[in-house]
Amino acid sequence: MKTIPEFMEEYRKLPDDVKEVAFLYAMASIKKRDPIVYDKTTEKIERLINQYNL
């Protein structure tokens, strides 16, 4: 099993469109398992988007 730093190193090498698909899949998985965590995660993402004007 890989450590988090090893995983992140490989993840950073992926093309942006692959990262986006992985992110969307993870969010869909979270929403199915735990809607409360999904809501908190999306709220945090919205705050970061607004904070950094993305």
C-alpha atoms as a PDB file:
ATOM      1  CA  MET A   1       0.000   0.000   0.000  1.00  0.00           C
ATOM      2  CA  LYS A   2       1.282   3.451  -0.901  1.00  0.00           C
ATOM      3  CA  THR A   3       1.790   6.275   1.543  1.00  0.00           C
ATOM      4  CA  ILE A   4      -0.159   9.484   1.022  1.00  0.00           C
ATOM      5  CA  PRO A   5       2.937  11.382  -0.221  1.00  0.00           C
ATOM      6  CA  GLU A   6       3.637   8.604  -2.759  1.00  0.00           C
ATOM      7  CA  PHE A   7       0.026   8.705  -3.941  1.00  0.00           C
ATOM      8  CA  MET A   8       0.054  12.509  -4.227  1.00  0.00           C
ATOM      9  CA  GLU A   9       3.295  12.434  -6.222  1.00  0.00           C
ATOM     10  CA  GLU A  10       1.704  10.101  -8.769  1.00  0.00           C
ATOM     11  CA  TYR A  11      -1.586  12.037  -8.735  1.00  0.00           C
ATOM     12  CA  ARG A  12       0.181  15.317  -9.579  1.00  0.00           C
ATOM     13  CA  LYS A  13       1.598  13.715 -12.747  1.00  0.00           C
ATOM     14  CA  LEU A  14      -1.861  12.936 -14.132  1.00  0.00           C
ATOM     15  CA  PRO A  15      -3.408  15.141 -16.848  1.00  0.00           C
ATOM     16  CA  ASP A  16      -5.953  17.677 -15.557  1.00  0.00           C
ATOM     17  CA  ASP A  17      -8.923  15.980 -17.228  1.00  0.00           C
ATOM     18  CA  VAL A  18      -8.057  12.679 -15.520  1.00  0.00           C
ATOM     19  CA  LYS A  19      -7.797  14.477 -12.156  1.00  0.00           C
ATOM     20  CA  GLU A  20     -11.235  16.015 -12.751  1.00  0.00           C
ATOM     21  CA  VAL A  21     -12.822  12.630 -13.475  1.00  0.00           C
ATOM     22  CA  ALA A  22     -11.180  11.127 -10.373  1.00  0.00           C
ATOM     23  CA  PHE A  23     -12.456  14.035  -8.279  1.00  0.00           C
ATOM     24  CA  LEU A  24     -16.008  13.713  -9.612  1.00  0.00           C
ATOM     25  CA  TYR A  25     -16.005   9.959  -9.010  1.00  0.00           C
ATOM     26  CA  ALA A  26     -14.780  10.480  -5.443  1.00  0.00           C
ATOM     27  CA  MET A  27     -17.473  13.105  -4.787  1.00  0.00           C
ATOM     28  CA  ALA A  28     -20.192  10.819  -6.155  1.00  0.00           C
ATOM     29  CA  SER A  29     -18.904   8.003  -3.949  1.00  0.00           C
ATOM     30  CA  ILE A  30     -18.923  10.259  -0.877  1.00  0.00           C
ATOM     31  CA  LYS A  31     -22.441  11.493  -1.653  1.00  0.00           C
ATOM     32  CA  LYS A  32     -23.734   7.928  -1.865  1.00  0.00           C
ATOM     33  CA  ARG A  33     -22.074   6.819   1.399  1.00  0.00           C
ATOM     34  CA  ASP A  34     -22.416   9.921   3.552  1.00  0.00           C
ATOM     35  CA  PRO A  35     -24.536  12.869   2.378  1.00  0.00           C
ATOM     36  CA  ILE A  36     -23.514  14.996   5.386  1.00  0.00           C
ATOM     37  CA  VAL A  37     -19.809  14.684   4.561  1.00  0.00           C
ATOM     38  CA  TYR A  38     -20.659  15.448   0.930  1.00  0.00           C
ATOM     39  CA  ASP A  39     -22.511  18.633   1.916  1.00  0.00           C
ATOM     40  CA  LYS A  40     -19.667  19.797   4.172  1.00  0.00           C
ATOM     41  CA  THR A  41     -17.120  19.023   1.450  1.00  0.00           C
ATOM     42  CA  THR A  42     -19.025  20.956  -1.205  1.00  0.00           C
ATOM     43  CA  GLU A  43     -19.438  23.909   1.183  1.00  0.00           C
ATOM     44  CA  LYS A  44     -15.675  23.932   1.801  1.00  0.00           C
ATOM     45  CA  ILE A  45     -14.972  23.767  -1.943  1.00  0.00           C
ATOM     46  CA  GLU A  46     -17.345  26.695  -2.552  1.00  0.00           C
ATOM     47  CA  ARG A  47     -15.572  28.744   0.133  1.00  0.00           C
ATOM     48  CA  LEU A  48     -12.162  27.982  -1.401  1.00  0.00           C
ATOM     49  CA  ILE A  49     -13.391  28.859  -4.884  1.00  0.00           C
ATOM     50  CA  ASN A  50     -14.674  32.203  -3.607  1.00  0.00           C
ATOM     51  CA  GLN A  51     -11.567  32.819  -1.494  1.00  0.00           C
ATOM     52  CA  TYR A  52      -9.191  32.284  -4.388  1.00  0.00           C
ATOM     53  CA  ASN A  53     -11.497  33.646  -7.104  1.00  0.00           C
ATOM     54  CA  LEU A  54     -11.305  30.434  -9.125  1.00  0.00           C
END
